[in-house]
Amino acid sequence: MTEPEVLDGLTRILRDLLQDESITLTAATERPDVPGWDSFAYVNFIVAVESEFGVRFQLSDVEAFQNVGEIARQILALKR
């Protein structure tokens, strides 16, 4: 699995959660960049990501993620 593949999966998950097909995530995307991606949606996103990719994030990681690229890289690290 590559970072672009993970980003595609993250984009699909967030599109489904926010019901917005126009969302396109990049490694630099931050939550404030996406309308409607509030803290409640972020928690739901993280739960969906963990389920989809078969990973479990540490709470400290979830609180520290600054952008989507950090989430993607953590997924890849956990899948090794």
PDB file of N, CA and C in Angstrom:
ATOM      1  N   MET A   1       0.849  -1.168   0.000  1.00  0.00           N
ATOM      2  CA  MET A   1       0.000   0.000   0.000  1.00  0.00           C
ATOM      3  C   MET A   1       0.903   1.242   0.000  1.00  0.00           C
ATOM      4  N   THR A   2       0.514   2.234  -0.802  1.00  0.00           N
ATOM      5  CA  THR A   2       1.293   3.464  -0.922  1.00  0.00           C
ATOM      6  C   THR A   2       0.545   4.627  -0.278  1.00  0.00           C
ATOM      7  N   GLU A   3       1.257   5.711  -0.054  1.00  0.00           N
ATOM      8  CA  GLU A   3       0.603   6.895   0.518  1.00  0.00           C
ATOM      9  C   GLU A   3      -0.528   7.410  -0.375  1.00  0.00           C
ATOM     10  N   PRO A   4      -0.349   7.482  -1.703  1.00  0.00           N
ATOM     11  CA  PRO A   4      -1.480   7.912  -2.543  1.00  0.00           C
ATOM     12  C   PRO A   4      -2.706   6.991  -2.410  1.00  0.00           C
ATOM     13  N   GLU A   5      -2.493   5.706  -2.261  1.00  0.00           N
ATOM     14  CA  GLU A   5      -3.620   4.773  -2.079  1.00  0.00           C
ATOM     15  C   GLU A   5      -4.321   5.033  -0.751  1.00  0.00           C
ATOM     16  N   VAL A   6      -3.541   5.299   0.281  1.00  0.00           N
ATOM     17  CA  VAL A   6      -4.134   5.617   1.579  1.00  0.00           C
ATOM     18  C   VAL A   6      -4.907   6.928   1.491  1.00  0.00           C
ATOM     19  N   LEU A   7      -4.338   7.926   0.832  1.00  0.00           N
ATOM     20  CA  LEU A   7      -5.035   9.211   0.670  1.00  0.00           C
ATOM     21  C   LEU A   7      -6.350   9.034  -0.075  1.00  0.00           C
ATOM     22  N   ASP A   8      -6.374   8.177  -1.080  1.00  0.00           N
ATOM     23  CA  ASP A   8      -7.618   7.900  -1.801  1.00  0.00           C
ATOM     24  C   ASP A   8      -8.661   7.304  -0.856  1.00  0.00           C
ATOM     25  N   GLY A   9      -8.229   6.363  -0.015  1.00  0.00           N
ATOM     26  CA  GLY A   9      -9.138   5.753   0.945  1.00  0.00           C
ATOM     27  C   GLY A   9      -9.642   6.755   1.963  1.00  0.00           C
ATOM     28  N   LEU A  10      -8.760   7.625   2.448  1.00  0.00           N
ATOM     29  CA  LEU A  10      -9.167   8.651   3.408  1.00  0.00           C
ATOM     30  C   LEU A  10     -10.161   9.621   2.778  1.00  0.00           C
ATOM     31  N   THR A  11      -9.921   9.975   1.520  1.00  0.00           N
ATOM     32  CA  THR A  11     -10.840  10.867   0.805  1.00  0.00           C
ATOM     33  C   THR A  11     -12.218  10.229   0.696  1.00  0.00           C
ATOM     34  N   ARG A  12     -12.266   8.955   0.325  1.00  0.00           N
ATOM     35  CA  ARG A  12     -13.548   8.255   0.190  1.00  0.00           C
ATOM     36  C   ARG A  12     -14.299   8.218   1.520  1.00  0.00           C
ATOM     37  N   ILE A  13     -13.575   7.929   2.597  1.00  0.00           N
ATOM     38  CA  ILE A  13     -14.202   7.863   3.918  1.00  0.00           C
ATOM     39  C   ILE A  13     -14.788   9.218   4.303  1.00  0.00           C
ATOM     40  N   LEU A  14     -14.024  10.297   4.115  1.00  0.00           N
ATOM     41  CA  LEU A  14     -14.521  11.620   4.500  1.00  0.00           C
ATOM     42  C   LEU A  14     -15.667  12.069   3.605  1.00  0.00           C
ATOM     43  N   ARG A  15     -15.598  11.746   2.319  1.00  0.00           N
ATOM     44  CA  ARG A  15     -16.724  12.066   1.428  1.00  0.00           C
ATOM     45  C   ARG A  15     -18.001  11.398   1.913  1.00  0.00           C
ATOM     46  N   ASP A  16     -17.892  10.131   2.305  1.00  0.00           N
ATOM     47  CA  ASP A  16     -19.058   9.405   2.806  1.00  0.00           C
ATOM     48  C   ASP A  16     -19.590  10.030   4.094  1.00  0.00           C
ATOM     49  N   LEU A  17     -18.694  10.345   5.013  1.00  0.00           N
ATOM     50  CA  LEU A  17     -19.115  10.903   6.302  1.00  0.00           C
ATOM     51  C   LEU A  17     -19.781  12.265   6.164  1.00  0.00           C
ATOM     52  N   LEU A  18     -19.202  13.111   5.319  1.00  0.00           N
ATOM     53  CA  LEU A  18     -19.721  14.465   5.170  1.00  0.00           C
ATOM     54  C   LEU A  18     -20.708  14.593   4.012  1.00  0.00           C
ATOM     55  N   GLN A  19     -20.921  13.508   3.295  1.00  0.00           N
ATOM     56  CA  GLN A  19     -21.828  13.486   2.141  1.00  0.00           C
ATOM     57  C   GLN A  19     -21.510  14.619   1.170  1.00  0.00           C
ATOM     58  N   ASP A  20     -20.219  14.670   0.802  1.00  0.00           N
ATOM     59  CA  ASP A  20     -19.740  15.709  -0.095  1.00  0.00           C
ATOM     60  C   ASP A  20     -18.718  15.103  -1.063  1.00  0.00           C
ATOM     61  N   GLU A  21     -19.148  14.833  -2.280  1.00  0.00           N
ATOM     62  CA  GLU A  21     -18.290  14.192  -3.275  1.00  0.00           C
ATOM     63  C   GLU A  21     -17.213  15.128  -3.823  1.00  0.00           C
ATOM     64  N   SER A  22     -17.272  16.408  -3.479  1.00  0.00           N
ATOM     65  CA  SER A  22     -16.275  17.346  -3.999  1.00  0.00           C
ATOM     66  C   SER A  22     -14.990  17.352  -3.174  1.00  0.00           C
ATOM     67  N   ILE A  23     -14.981  16.675  -2.032  1.00  0.00           N
ATOM     68  CA  ILE A  23     -13.799  16.662  -1.164  1.00  0.00           C
ATOM     69  C   ILE A  23     -12.668  15.885  -1.831  1.00  0.00           C
ATOM     70  N   THR A  24     -11.498  16.491  -1.861  1.00  0.00           N
ATOM     71  CA  THR A  24     -10.279  15.824  -2.312  1.00  0.00           C
ATOM     72  C   THR A  24      -9.189  16.135  -1.297  1.00  0.00           C
ATOM     73  N   LEU A  25      -8.730  15.100  -0.612  1.00  0.00           N
ATOM     74  CA  LEU A  25      -7.714  15.281   0.410  1.00  0.00           C
ATOM     75  C   LEU A  25      -6.322  15.139  -0.193  1.00  0.00           C
ATOM     76  N   THR A  26      -5.412  15.952   0.299  1.00  0.00           N
ATOM     77  CA  THR A  26      -3.996  15.837  -0.019  1.00  0.00           C
ATOM     78  C   THR A  26      -3.253  15.659   1.298  1.00  0.00           C
ATOM     79  N   ALA A  27      -1.977  15.382   1.222  1.00  0.00           N
ATOM     80  CA  ALA A  27      -1.186  15.215   2.437  1.00  0.00           C
ATOM     81  C   ALA A  27      -1.186  16.493   3.280  1.00  0.00           C
ATOM     82  N   ALA A  28      -1.331  17.641   2.643  1.00  0.00           N
ATOM     83  CA  ALA A  28      -1.283  18.922   3.358  1.00  0.00           C
ATOM     84  C   ALA A  28      -2.634  19.371   3.905  1.00  0.00           C
ATOM     85  N   THR A  29      -3.715  18.675   3.569  1.00  0.00           N
ATOM     86  CA  THR A  29      -5.047  19.085   4.009  1.00  0.00           C
ATOM     87  C   THR A  29      -5.153  19.032   5.527  1.00  0.00           C
ATOM     88  N   GLU A  30      -5.691  20.114   6.103  1.00  0.00           N
ATOM     89  CA  GLU A  30      -5.965  20.183   7.531  1.00  0.00           C
ATOM     90  C   GLU A  30      -7.471  20.285   7.725  1.00  0.00           C
ATOM     91  N   ARG A  31      -7.941  19.911   8.904  1.00  0.00           N
ATOM     92  CA  ARG A  31      -9.390  19.918   9.149  1.00  0.00           C
ATOM     93  C   ARG A  31     -10.058  21.250   8.812  1.00  0.00           C
ATOM     94  N   PRO A  32      -9.476  22.398   9.188  1.00  0.00           N
ATOM     95  CA  PRO A  32     -10.146  23.662   8.850  1.00  0.00           C
ATOM     96  C   PRO A  32     -10.297  23.907   7.345  1.00  0.00           C
ATOM     97  N   ASP A  33      -9.539  23.168   6.534  1.00  0.00           N
ATOM     98  CA  ASP A  33      -9.615  23.322   5.077  1.00  0.00           C
ATOM     99  C   ASP A  33     -10.891  22.724   4.496  1.00  0.00           C
ATOM    100  N   VAL A  34     -11.562  21.852   5.272  1.00  0.00           N
ATOM    101  CA  VAL A  34     -12.725  21.125   4.754  1.00  0.00           C
ATOM    102  C   VAL A  34     -13.978  21.582   5.505  1.00  0.00           C
ATOM    103  N   PRO A  35     -14.899  22.235   4.798  1.00  0.00           N
ATOM    104  CA  PRO A  35     -16.129  22.682   5.453  1.00  0.00           C
ATOM    105  C   PRO A  35     -16.883  21.500   6.089  1.00  0.00           C
ATOM    106  N   GLY A  36     -17.285  21.680   7.332  1.00  0.00           N
ATOM    107  CA  GLY A  36     -18.054  20.648   8.011  1.00  0.00           C
ATOM    108  C   GLY A  36     -17.225  19.628   8.766  1.00  0.00           C
ATOM    109  N   TRP A  37     -15.901  19.699   8.626  1.00  0.00           N
ATOM    110  CA  TRP A  37     -15.046  18.716   9.302  1.00  0.00           C
ATOM    111  C   TRP A  37     -14.726  19.233  10.707  1.00  0.00           C
ATOM    112  N   ASP A  38     -15.742  19.177  11.556  1.00  0.00           N
ATOM    113  CA  ASP A  38     -15.597  19.630  12.929  1.00  0.00           C
ATOM    114  C   ASP A  38     -15.073  18.502  13.815  1.00  0.00           C
ATOM    115  N   SER A  39     -14.990  18.751  15.107  1.00  0.00           N
ATOM    116  CA  SER A  39     -14.404  17.765  16.012  1.00  0.00           C
ATOM    117  C   SER A  39     -15.232  16.487  16.079  1.00  0.00           C
ATOM    118  N   PHE A  40     -16.551  16.600  16.013  1.00  0.00           N
ATOM    119  CA  PHE A  40     -17.405  15.410  16.024  1.00  0.00           C
ATOM    120  C   PHE A  40     -17.167  14.574  14.765  1.00  0.00           C
ATOM    121  N   ALA A  41     -17.118  15.230  13.620  1.00  0.00           N
ATOM    122  CA  ALA A  41     -16.856  14.520  12.364  1.00  0.00           C
ATOM    123  C   ALA A  41     -15.454  13.918  12.369  1.00  0.00           C
ATOM    124  N   TYR A  42     -14.504  14.574  13.030  1.00  0.00           N
ATOM    125  CA  TYR A  42     -13.137  14.060  13.110  1.00  0.00           C
ATOM    126  C   TYR A  42     -13.109  12.743  13.881  1.00  0.00           C
ATOM    127  N   VAL A  43     -13.821  12.685  14.999  1.00  0.00           N
ATOM    128  CA  VAL A  43     -13.882  11.447  15.786  1.00  0.00           C
ATOM    129  C   VAL A  43     -14.495  10.330  14.939  1.00  0.00           C
ATOM    130  N   ASN A  44     -15.584  10.612  14.256  1.00  0.00           N
ATOM    131  CA  ASN A  44     -16.215   9.607  13.391  1.00  0.00           C
ATOM    132  C   ASN A  44     -15.284   9.180  12.263  1.00  0.00           C
ATOM    133  N   PHE A  45     -14.533  10.127  11.725  1.00  0.00           N
ATOM    134  CA  PHE A  45     -13.567   9.841  10.670  1.00  0.00           C
ATOM    135  C   PHE A  45     -12.492   8.893  11.179  1.00  0.00           C
ATOM    136  N   ILE A  46     -11.937   9.178  12.347  1.00  0.00           N
ATOM    137  CA  ILE A  46     -10.879   8.339  12.910  1.00  0.00           C
ATOM    138  C   ILE A  46     -11.390   6.920  13.151  1.00  0.00           C
ATOM    139  N   VAL A  47     -12.590   6.779  13.695  1.00  0.00           N
ATOM    140  CA  VAL A  47     -13.169   5.453  13.929  1.00  0.00           C
ATOM    141  C   VAL A  47     -13.337   4.709  12.602  1.00  0.00           C
ATOM    142  N   ALA A  48     -13.828   5.391  11.582  1.00  0.00           N
ATOM    143  CA  ALA A  48     -14.016   4.771  10.272  1.00  0.00           C
ATOM    144  C   ALA A  48     -12.677   4.390   9.640  1.00  0.00           C
ATOM    145  N   VAL A  49     -11.677   5.232   9.812  1.00  0.00           N
ATOM    146  CA  VAL A  49     -10.338   4.952   9.269  1.00  0.00           C
ATOM    147  C   VAL A  49      -9.753   3.714   9.944  1.00  0.00           C
ATOM    148  N   GLU A  50      -9.866   3.643  11.255  1.00  0.00           N
ATOM    149  CA  GLU A  50      -9.342   2.482  11.974  1.00  0.00           C
ATOM    150  C   GLU A  50     -10.013   1.197  11.486  1.00  0.00           C
ATOM    151  N   SER A  51     -11.310   1.257  11.293  1.00  0.00           N
ATOM    152  CA  SER A  51     -12.050   0.082  10.820  1.00  0.00           C
ATOM    153  C   SER A  51     -11.660  -0.286   9.391  1.00  0.00           C
ATOM    154  N   GLU A  52     -11.595   0.696   8.529  1.00  0.00           N
ATOM    155  CA  GLU A  52     -11.293   0.461   7.110  1.00  0.00           C
ATOM    156  C   GLU A  52      -9.889  -0.102   6.905  1.00  0.00           C
ATOM    157  N   PHE A  53      -8.917   0.441   7.623  1.00  0.00           N
ATOM    158  CA  PHE A  53      -7.530   0.060   7.410  1.00  0.00           C
ATOM    159  C   PHE A  53      -7.040  -0.996   8.402  1.00  0.00           C
ATOM    160  N   GLY A  54      -7.862  -1.358   9.371  1.00  0.00           N
ATOM    161  CA  GLY A  54      -7.470  -2.378  10.332  1.00  0.00           C
ATOM    162  C   GLY A  54      -6.334  -1.944  11.239  1.00  0.00           C
ATOM    163  N   VAL A  55      -6.370  -0.686  11.672  1.00  0.00           N
ATOM    164  CA  VAL A  55      -5.341  -0.147  12.560  1.00  0.00           C
ATOM    165  C   VAL A  55      -6.003   0.437  13.801  1.00  0.00           C
ATOM    166  N   ARG A  56      -5.191   0.682  14.820  1.00  0.00           N
ATOM    167  CA  ARG A  56      -5.648   1.376  16.030  1.00  0.00           C
ATOM    168  C   ARG A  56      -4.637   2.465  16.340  1.00  0.00           C
ATOM    169  N   PHE A  57      -5.120   3.704  16.378  1.00  0.00           N
ATOM    170  CA  PHE A  57      -4.264   4.831  16.709  1.00  0.00           C
ATOM    171  C   PHE A  57      -4.211   5.003  18.224  1.00  0.00           C
ATOM    172  N   GLN A  58      -3.100   5.500  18.712  1.00  0.00           N
ATOM    173  CA  GLN A  58      -3.002   5.923  20.102  1.00  0.00           C
ATOM    174  C   GLN A  58      -3.729   7.268  20.230  1.00  0.00           C
ATOM    175  N   LEU A  59      -4.360   7.500  21.366  1.00  0.00           N
ATOM    176  CA  LEU A  59      -5.071   8.758  21.580  1.00  0.00           C
ATOM    177  C   LEU A  59      -4.140   9.951  21.378  1.00  0.00           C
ATOM    178  N   SER A  60      -2.907   9.813  21.836  1.00  0.00           N
ATOM    179  CA  SER A  60      -1.949  10.914  21.677  1.00  0.00           C
ATOM    180  C   SER A  60      -1.692  11.223  20.199  1.00  0.00           C
ATOM    181  N   ASP A  61      -1.698  10.190  19.350  1.00  0.00           N
ATOM    182  CA  ASP A  61      -1.528  10.415  17.911  1.00  0.00           C
ATOM    183  C   ASP A  61      -2.730  11.155  17.335  1.00  0.00           C
ATOM    184  N   VAL A  62      -3.925  10.693  17.706  1.00  0.00           N
ATOM    185  CA  VAL A  62      -5.159  11.300  17.189  1.00  0.00           C
ATOM    186  C   VAL A  62      -5.202  12.785  17.542  1.00  0.00           C
ATOM    187  N   GLU A  63      -4.780  13.115  18.756  1.00  0.00           N
ATOM    188  CA  GLU A  63      -4.785  14.510  19.196  1.00  0.00           C
ATOM    189  C   GLU A  63      -3.688  15.329  18.522  1.00  0.00           C
ATOM    190  N   ALA A  64      -2.622  14.671  18.082  1.00  0.00           N
ATOM    191  CA  ALA A  64      -1.470  15.384  17.519  1.00  0.00           C
ATOM    192  C   ALA A  64      -1.485  15.526  15.999  1.00  0.00           C
ATOM    193  N   PHE A  65      -2.299  14.737  15.293  1.00  0.00           N
ATOM    194  CA  PHE A  65      -2.308  14.824  13.830  1.00  0.00           C
ATOM    195  C   PHE A  65      -2.593  16.260  13.399  1.00  0.00           C
ATOM    196  N   GLN A  66      -1.704  16.815  12.572  1.00  0.00           N
ATOM    197  CA  GLN A  66      -1.867  18.184  12.087  1.00  0.00           C
ATOM    198  C   GLN A  66      -2.475  18.244  10.690  1.00  0.00           C
ATOM    199  N   ASN A  67      -2.296  17.158   9.919  1.00  0.00           N
ATOM    200  CA  ASN A  67      -2.820  17.146   8.558  1.00  0.00           C
ATOM    201  C   ASN A  67      -3.067  15.698   8.127  1.00  0.00           C
ATOM    202  N   VAL A  68      -3.660  15.540   6.985  1.00  0.00           N
ATOM    203  CA  VAL A  68      -4.027  14.217   6.487  1.00  0.00           C
ATOM    204  C   VAL A  68      -2.791  13.379   6.179  1.00  0.00           C
ATOM    205  N   GLY A  69      -1.715  14.001   5.760  1.00  0.00           N
ATOM    206  CA  GLY A  69      -0.484  13.274   5.475  1.00  0.00           C
ATOM    207  C   GLY A  69       0.043  12.554   6.706  1.00  0.00           C
ATOM    208  N   GLU A  70      -0.064  13.172   7.868  1.00  0.00           N
ATOM    209  CA  GLU A  70       0.386  12.531   9.104  1.00  0.00           C
ATOM    210  C   GLU A  70      -0.461  11.300   9.411  1.00  0.00           C
ATOM    211  N   ILE A  71      -1.755  11.388   9.148  1.00  0.00           N
ATOM    212  CA  ILE A  71      -2.638  10.231   9.351  1.00  0.00           C
ATOM    213  C   ILE A  71      -2.240   9.112   8.392  1.00  0.00           C
ATOM    214  N   ALA A  72      -2.034   9.450   7.128  1.00  0.00           N
ATOM    215  CA  ALA A  72      -1.665   8.447   6.121  1.00  0.00           C
ATOM    216  C   ALA A  72      -0.343   7.770   6.475  1.00  0.00           C
ATOM    217  N   ARG A  73       0.635   8.555   6.886  1.00  0.00           N
ATOM    218  CA  ARG A  73       1.941   7.981   7.240  1.00  0.00           C
ATOM    219  C   ARG A  73       1.843   7.080   8.472  1.00  0.00           C
ATOM    220  N   GLN A  74       0.993   7.438   9.421  1.00  0.00           N
ATOM    221  CA  GLN A  74       0.813   6.602  10.604  1.00  0.00           C
ATOM    222  C   GLN A  74       0.139   5.284  10.227  1.00  0.00           C
ATOM    223  N   ILE A  75      -0.831   5.346   9.329  1.00  0.00           N
ATOM    224  CA  ILE A  75      -1.478   4.117   8.849  1.00  0.00           C
ATOM    225  C   ILE A  75      -0.422   3.199   8.229  1.00  0.00           C
ATOM    226  N   LEU A  76       0.410   3.752   7.346  1.00  0.00           N
ATOM    227  CA  LEU A  76       1.439   2.957   6.697  1.00  0.00           C
ATOM    228  C   LEU A  76       2.412   2.370   7.710  1.00  0.00           C
ATOM    229  N   ALA A  77       2.781   3.138   8.709  1.00  0.00           N
ATOM    230  CA  ALA A  77       3.698   2.642   9.741  1.00  0.00           C
ATOM    231  C   ALA A  77       3.068   1.494  10.535  1.00  0.00           C
ATOM    232  N   LEU A  78       1.783   1.615  10.824  1.00  0.00           N
ATOM    233  CA  LEU A  78       1.098   0.571  11.607  1.00  0.00           C
ATOM    234  C   LEU A  78       0.857  -0.695  10.785  1.00  0.00           C
ATOM    235  N   LYS A  79       0.814  -0.570   9.472  1.00  0.00           N
ATOM    236  CA  LYS A  79       0.553  -1.721   8.598  1.00  0.00           C
ATOM    237  C   LYS A  79       1.830  -2.507   8.307  1.00  0.00           C
ATOM    238  N   ARG A  80       2.989  -2.014   8.715  1.00  0.00           N
ATOM    239  CA  ARG A  80       4.260  -2.705   8.441  1.00  0.00           C
ATOM    240  C   ARG A  80       4.389  -3.916   9.310  1.00  0.00           C
TER     241      ARG A  80
END
